[in-house]
Amino acid sequence: MRIRIVFGEDEMIGPGKADLLERVDRCGSIAAAGREMGMSYKRAWELIGTLNAMFRAPLVESTRGGPGGGGAVLTELGREVLAQYRAFEADAAADGAARLAVLRGLLRDIPEEK
């Protein structure tokens, strides 16, 4: 199950943005997080910019590169937003498991040899 929460026309968070936040947290870099996901540097920065603009404060803070190198970290709000999104996913999966099973049972059988 993949959940996208839409707050407004250009304001949403879903599995892709959540995964990007997790990777930024682990890698310490927006560029490296994007590479891990197979997305361009520009796209990763655009998504982080969108997230930072959506909430009352930035979710990711970055420092410019140079001799000491740059980097990025999740802010306290970034960690909270990510935790709330993941909790929402878990709640939806648990509470919707029975209905999801019914819907899966209604799917058309697809032969294995596509």
N, C-alpha and C. Protein backbone atom coordinates (compact mmCIF):
# COMPACT_ATOMS: atom_id res chain seq x y z
N MET A 1 0.85 -1.17 0.00
CA MET A 1 0.00 0.00 0.00
C MET A 1 0.90 1.24 0.00
N ARG A 2 0.55 2.18 -0.85
CA ARG A 2 1.31 3.44 -0.93
C ARG A 2 0.33 4.57 -0.64
N ILE A 3 0.69 5.42 0.30
CA ILE A 3 -0.21 6.49 0.72
C ILE A 3 0.40 7.84 0.40
N ARG A 4 -0.39 8.68 -0.26
CA ARG A 4 0.00 10.06 -0.51
C ARG A 4 -1.02 10.94 0.22
N ILE A 5 -0.53 11.84 1.05
CA ILE A 5 -1.39 12.77 1.77
C ILE A 5 -1.32 14.10 1.04
N VAL A 6 -2.47 14.55 0.56
CA VAL A 6 -2.54 15.79 -0.20
C VAL A 6 -3.14 16.87 0.69
N PHE A 7 -2.35 17.91 0.93
CA PHE A 7 -2.80 19.04 1.74
C PHE A 7 -3.36 20.16 0.87
N GLY A 8 -2.87 20.25 -0.34
CA GLY A 8 -3.28 21.28 -1.28
C GLY A 8 -2.76 20.93 -2.65
N GLU A 9 -3.04 21.78 -3.63
CA GLU A 9 -2.69 21.48 -5.02
C GLU A 9 -1.22 21.09 -5.20
N ASP A 10 -0.32 21.82 -4.61
CA ASP A 10 1.11 21.51 -4.73
C ASP A 10 1.73 21.12 -3.39
N GLU A 11 0.90 20.74 -2.46
CA GLU A 11 1.39 20.39 -1.12
C GLU A 11 0.97 18.97 -0.78
N MET A 12 1.94 18.05 -0.89
CA MET A 12 1.65 16.65 -0.58
C MET A 12 2.92 15.96 -0.11
N ILE A 13 2.69 14.88 0.60
CA ILE A 13 3.81 14.03 1.00
C ILE A 13 3.37 12.60 0.76
N GLY A 14 4.28 11.83 0.22
CA GLY A 14 4.00 10.43 -0.08
C GLY A 14 5.25 9.60 0.13
N PRO A 15 5.23 8.38 -0.35
CA PRO A 15 6.36 7.47 -0.09
C PRO A 15 7.67 7.96 -0.68
N GLY A 16 7.64 8.60 -1.83
CA GLY A 16 8.88 9.08 -2.44
C GLY A 16 9.56 10.15 -1.62
N LYS A 17 8.78 11.14 -1.19
CA LYS A 17 9.36 12.22 -0.38
C LYS A 17 9.80 11.70 0.98
N ALA A 18 9.03 10.77 1.55
CA ALA A 18 9.43 10.18 2.84
C ALA A 18 10.73 9.41 2.69
N ASP A 19 10.84 8.63 1.61
CA ASP A 19 12.09 7.88 1.37
C ASP A 19 13.26 8.84 1.19
N LEU A 20 13.04 9.94 0.48
CA LEU A 20 14.10 10.92 0.28
C LEU A 20 14.55 11.51 1.62
N LEU A 21 13.59 11.85 2.48
CA LEU A 21 13.95 12.38 3.80
C LEU A 21 14.77 11.36 4.59
N GLU A 22 14.36 10.10 4.56
CA GLU A 22 15.12 9.06 5.28
C GLU A 22 16.54 8.93 4.74
N ARG A 23 16.68 9.00 3.45
CA ARG A 23 18.02 8.88 2.85
C ARG A 23 18.88 10.10 3.15
N VAL A 24 18.29 11.29 3.14
CA VAL A 24 19.05 12.49 3.52
C VAL A 24 19.57 12.32 4.95
N ASP A 25 18.70 11.82 5.81
CA ASP A 25 19.09 11.61 7.21
C ASP A 25 20.26 10.63 7.31
N ARG A 26 20.20 9.56 6.54
CA ARG A 26 21.24 8.53 6.59
C ARG A 26 22.52 8.96 5.88
N CYS A 27 22.38 9.58 4.70
CA CYS A 27 23.55 9.93 3.88
C CYS A 27 24.19 11.26 4.28
N GLY A 28 23.39 12.16 4.86
CA GLY A 28 23.91 13.48 5.19
C GLY A 28 24.10 14.36 3.97
N SER A 29 23.40 14.01 2.89
CA SER A 29 23.55 14.74 1.64
C SER A 29 22.30 14.58 0.79
N ILE A 30 21.81 15.69 0.24
CA ILE A 30 20.65 15.63 -0.65
C ILE A 30 21.05 14.96 -1.96
N ALA A 31 22.22 15.30 -2.48
CA ALA A 31 22.68 14.71 -3.74
C ALA A 31 22.84 13.20 -3.61
N ALA A 32 23.46 12.74 -2.54
CA ALA A 32 23.68 11.30 -2.34
C ALA A 32 22.35 10.58 -2.14
N ALA A 33 21.42 11.20 -1.43
CA ALA A 33 20.10 10.61 -1.24
C ALA A 33 19.39 10.45 -2.58
N GLY A 34 19.46 11.48 -3.40
CA GLY A 34 18.85 11.41 -4.73
C GLY A 34 19.48 10.33 -5.58
N ARG A 35 20.81 10.24 -5.56
CA ARG A 35 21.51 9.20 -6.33
C ARG A 35 21.04 7.81 -5.93
N GLU A 36 20.91 7.59 -4.62
CA GLU A 36 20.44 6.28 -4.14
C GLU A 36 19.07 5.94 -4.68
N MET A 37 18.28 6.96 -4.93
CA MET A 37 16.91 6.74 -5.42
C MET A 37 16.83 6.78 -6.94
N GLY A 38 17.97 7.01 -7.60
CA GLY A 38 17.98 7.06 -9.05
C GLY A 38 17.38 8.33 -9.62
N MET A 39 17.41 9.40 -8.84
CA MET A 39 16.87 10.67 -9.34
C MET A 39 17.99 11.68 -9.50
N SER A 40 17.73 12.65 -10.34
CA SER A 40 18.73 13.67 -10.60
C SER A 40 18.95 14.56 -9.37
N TYR A 41 20.10 15.17 -9.34
CA TYR A 41 20.44 16.13 -8.29
C TYR A 41 19.38 17.23 -8.25
N LYS A 42 19.02 17.74 -9.43
CA LYS A 42 18.03 18.82 -9.51
C LYS A 42 16.69 18.39 -8.94
N ARG A 43 16.24 17.18 -9.29
CA ARG A 43 14.94 16.70 -8.80
C ARG A 43 14.95 16.54 -7.29
N ALA A 44 16.02 15.99 -6.74
CA ALA A 44 16.11 15.82 -5.28
C ALA A 44 16.02 17.17 -4.59
N TRP A 45 16.75 18.16 -5.11
CA TRP A 45 16.71 19.50 -4.52
C TRP A 45 15.32 20.13 -4.66
N GLU A 46 14.65 19.91 -5.78
CA GLU A 46 13.30 20.45 -5.97
C GLU A 46 12.33 19.87 -4.94
N LEU A 47 12.41 18.56 -4.73
CA LEU A 47 11.52 17.92 -3.76
C LEU A 47 11.78 18.42 -2.34
N ILE A 48 13.05 18.57 -1.98
CA ILE A 48 13.37 19.09 -0.65
C ILE A 48 12.88 20.53 -0.54
N GLY A 49 13.06 21.31 -1.59
CA GLY A 49 12.57 22.70 -1.58
C GLY A 49 11.06 22.76 -1.39
N THR A 50 10.35 21.86 -2.06
CA THR A 50 8.89 21.80 -1.91
C THR A 50 8.51 21.46 -0.48
N LEU A 51 9.17 20.45 0.08
CA LEU A 51 8.89 20.07 1.47
C LEU A 51 9.21 21.21 2.43
N ASN A 52 10.34 21.85 2.24
CA ASN A 52 10.73 22.95 3.13
C ASN A 52 9.72 24.09 3.06
N ALA A 53 9.16 24.34 1.89
CA ALA A 53 8.19 25.43 1.73
C ALA A 53 6.81 25.07 2.27
N MET A 54 6.50 23.78 2.34
CA MET A 54 5.17 23.33 2.78
C MET A 54 4.93 23.51 4.28
N PHE A 55 5.94 23.30 5.06
CA PHE A 55 5.77 23.27 6.51
C PHE A 55 6.21 24.58 7.14
N ARG A 56 5.88 24.76 8.40
CA ARG A 56 6.11 26.05 9.08
C ARG A 56 7.58 26.40 9.25
N ALA A 57 8.43 25.39 9.10
CA ALA A 57 9.88 25.59 9.16
C ALA A 57 10.50 24.52 8.26
N PRO A 58 11.75 24.69 7.86
CA PRO A 58 12.38 23.70 6.97
C PRO A 58 12.47 22.31 7.61
N LEU A 59 12.35 21.29 6.76
CA LEU A 59 12.52 19.91 7.21
C LEU A 59 13.97 19.47 7.05
N VAL A 60 14.67 20.13 6.12
CA VAL A 60 16.07 19.81 5.83
C VAL A 60 16.86 21.10 5.81
N GLU A 61 18.00 21.09 6.49
CA GLU A 61 18.93 22.21 6.43
C GLU A 61 20.17 21.73 5.71
N SER A 62 20.68 22.56 4.80
CA SER A 62 21.86 22.16 4.04
C SER A 62 22.94 23.22 4.17
N THR A 63 24.17 22.76 3.97
CA THR A 63 25.31 23.67 3.93
C THR A 63 25.98 23.50 2.58
N ARG A 64 26.52 24.59 2.08
CA ARG A 64 27.17 24.56 0.76
C ARG A 64 28.45 23.74 0.81
N GLY A 65 28.78 23.23 -0.37
CA GLY A 65 30.03 22.49 -0.51
C GLY A 65 31.22 23.42 -0.45
N GLY A 66 32.36 22.93 -0.71
CA GLY A 66 33.59 23.70 -0.65
C GLY A 66 34.71 22.84 -0.10
N PRO A 67 35.74 23.47 0.41
CA PRO A 67 36.88 22.69 0.91
C PRO A 67 36.49 21.69 2.00
N GLY A 68 35.57 22.08 2.89
CA GLY A 68 35.14 21.18 3.95
C GLY A 68 34.00 20.28 3.53
N GLY A 69 33.46 20.50 2.33
CA GLY A 69 32.32 19.72 1.85
C GLY A 69 31.02 20.25 2.42
N GLY A 70 29.96 20.00 1.73
CA GLY A 70 28.63 20.42 2.18
C GLY A 70 27.93 19.27 2.85
N GLY A 71 26.67 19.45 3.08
CA GLY A 71 25.90 18.38 3.70
C GLY A 71 24.49 18.82 3.95
N ALA A 72 23.70 17.91 4.46
CA ALA A 72 22.30 18.19 4.78
C ALA A 72 21.89 17.33 5.97
N VAL A 73 21.03 17.90 6.79
CA VAL A 73 20.50 17.18 7.95
C VAL A 73 19.01 17.44 8.08
N LEU A 74 18.31 16.47 8.63
CA LEU A 74 16.90 16.69 8.96
C LEU A 74 16.83 17.56 10.20
N THR A 75 15.91 18.49 10.19
CA THR A 75 15.67 19.30 11.37
C THR A 75 14.79 18.51 12.33
N GLU A 76 14.58 19.05 13.51
CA GLU A 76 13.67 18.41 14.46
C GLU A 76 12.28 18.27 13.83
N LEU A 77 11.82 19.32 13.13
CA LEU A 77 10.52 19.25 12.47
C LEU A 77 10.54 18.20 11.36
N GLY A 78 11.65 18.09 10.64
CA GLY A 78 11.78 17.07 9.60
C GLY A 78 11.63 15.67 10.16
N ARG A 79 12.25 15.43 11.30
CA ARG A 79 12.12 14.12 11.95
C ARG A 79 10.69 13.87 12.41
N GLU A 80 10.04 14.91 12.91
CA GLU A 80 8.65 14.77 13.37
C GLU A 80 7.71 14.49 12.20
N VAL A 81 7.86 15.24 11.11
CA VAL A 81 7.01 15.02 9.93
C VAL A 81 7.21 13.61 9.40
N LEU A 82 8.44 13.17 9.29
CA LEU A 82 8.72 11.82 8.80
C LEU A 82 8.13 10.77 9.72
N ALA A 83 8.30 10.94 11.01
CA ALA A 83 7.74 9.98 11.97
C ALA A 83 6.22 9.93 11.90
N GLN A 84 5.58 11.09 11.78
CA GLN A 84 4.12 11.13 11.69
C GLN A 84 3.63 10.48 10.39
N TYR A 85 4.31 10.71 9.29
CA TYR A 85 3.93 10.10 8.03
C TYR A 85 4.06 8.57 8.12
N ARG A 86 5.18 8.09 8.64
CA ARG A 86 5.38 6.63 8.76
C ARG A 86 4.36 6.01 9.72
N ALA A 87 4.01 6.72 10.79
CA ALA A 87 2.99 6.22 11.71
C ALA A 87 1.63 6.17 11.02
N PHE A 88 1.33 7.18 10.22
CA PHE A 88 0.07 7.20 9.46
C PHE A 88 0.01 6.00 8.52
N GLU A 89 1.12 5.71 7.83
CA GLU A 89 1.19 4.54 6.95
C GLU A 89 0.90 3.25 7.73
N ALA A 90 1.55 3.10 8.87
CA ALA A 90 1.39 1.90 9.68
C ALA A 90 -0.04 1.76 10.18
N ASP A 91 -0.62 2.87 10.63
CA ASP A 91 -2.01 2.83 11.10
C ASP A 91 -2.96 2.44 9.98
N ALA A 92 -2.77 3.02 8.81
CA ALA A 92 -3.64 2.73 7.67
C ALA A 92 -3.51 1.27 7.25
N ALA A 93 -2.28 0.75 7.25
CA ALA A 93 -2.07 -0.65 6.88
C ALA A 93 -2.74 -1.59 7.87
N ALA A 94 -2.60 -1.29 9.15
CA ALA A 94 -3.19 -2.15 10.17
C ALA A 94 -4.72 -2.06 10.15
N ASP A 95 -5.23 -0.84 10.13
CA ASP A 95 -6.68 -0.66 10.19
C ASP A 95 -7.39 -1.04 8.90
N GLY A 96 -6.67 -0.99 7.79
CA GLY A 96 -7.29 -1.28 6.50
C GLY A 96 -6.98 -2.65 5.95
N ALA A 97 -6.30 -3.49 6.72
CA ALA A 97 -5.86 -4.80 6.23
C ALA A 97 -7.02 -5.65 5.72
N ALA A 98 -8.12 -5.70 6.46
CA ALA A 98 -9.25 -6.54 6.05
C ALA A 98 -9.86 -6.03 4.74
N ARG A 99 -10.06 -4.73 4.62
CA ARG A 99 -10.62 -4.18 3.37
C ARG A 99 -9.66 -4.36 2.21
N LEU A 100 -8.37 -4.22 2.47
CA LEU A 100 -7.37 -4.41 1.43
C LEU A 100 -7.39 -5.86 0.94
N ALA A 101 -7.54 -6.79 1.85
CA ALA A 101 -7.62 -8.21 1.47
C ALA A 101 -8.84 -8.45 0.58
N VAL A 102 -9.96 -7.84 0.90
CA VAL A 102 -11.16 -7.98 0.07
C VAL A 102 -10.91 -7.41 -1.33
N LEU A 103 -10.32 -6.21 -1.38
CA LEU A 103 -10.03 -5.60 -2.68
C LEU A 103 -9.06 -6.46 -3.50
N ARG A 104 -8.04 -7.01 -2.86
CA ARG A 104 -7.10 -7.88 -3.58
C ARG A 104 -7.83 -9.10 -4.14
N GLY A 105 -8.78 -9.62 -3.38
CA GLY A 105 -9.56 -10.78 -3.83
C GLY A 105 -10.42 -10.46 -5.04
N LEU A 106 -10.70 -9.21 -5.26
CA LEU A 106 -11.53 -8.79 -6.39
C LEU A 106 -10.71 -8.49 -7.65
N LEU A 107 -9.39 -8.54 -7.53
CA LEU A 107 -8.53 -8.27 -8.68
C LEU A 107 -8.64 -9.39 -9.71
N ARG A 108 -8.43 -9.04 -10.96
CA ARG A 108 -8.42 -10.00 -12.05
C ARG A 108 -7.15 -10.83 -11.94
N ASP A 109 -7.24 -12.11 -12.21
CA ASP A 109 -6.05 -12.96 -12.22
C ASP A 109 -5.20 -12.59 -13.43
N ILE A 110 -3.91 -12.42 -13.20
CA ILE A 110 -2.98 -12.05 -14.27
C ILE A 110 -2.01 -13.21 -14.44
N PRO A 111 -1.91 -13.75 -15.66
CA PRO A 111 -0.96 -14.85 -15.88
C PRO A 111 0.47 -14.44 -15.53
N GLU A 112 1.24 -15.39 -15.05
CA GLU A 112 2.62 -15.11 -14.64
C GLU A 112 3.50 -14.72 -15.81
N GLU A 113 3.26 -15.24 -17.02
CA GLU A 113 4.12 -15.00 -18.17
C GLU A 113 3.70 -13.79 -18.97
N LYS A 114 3.75 -12.61 -18.40
CA LYS A 114 3.33 -11.36 -19.04
C LYS A 114 3.84 -11.26 -20.44
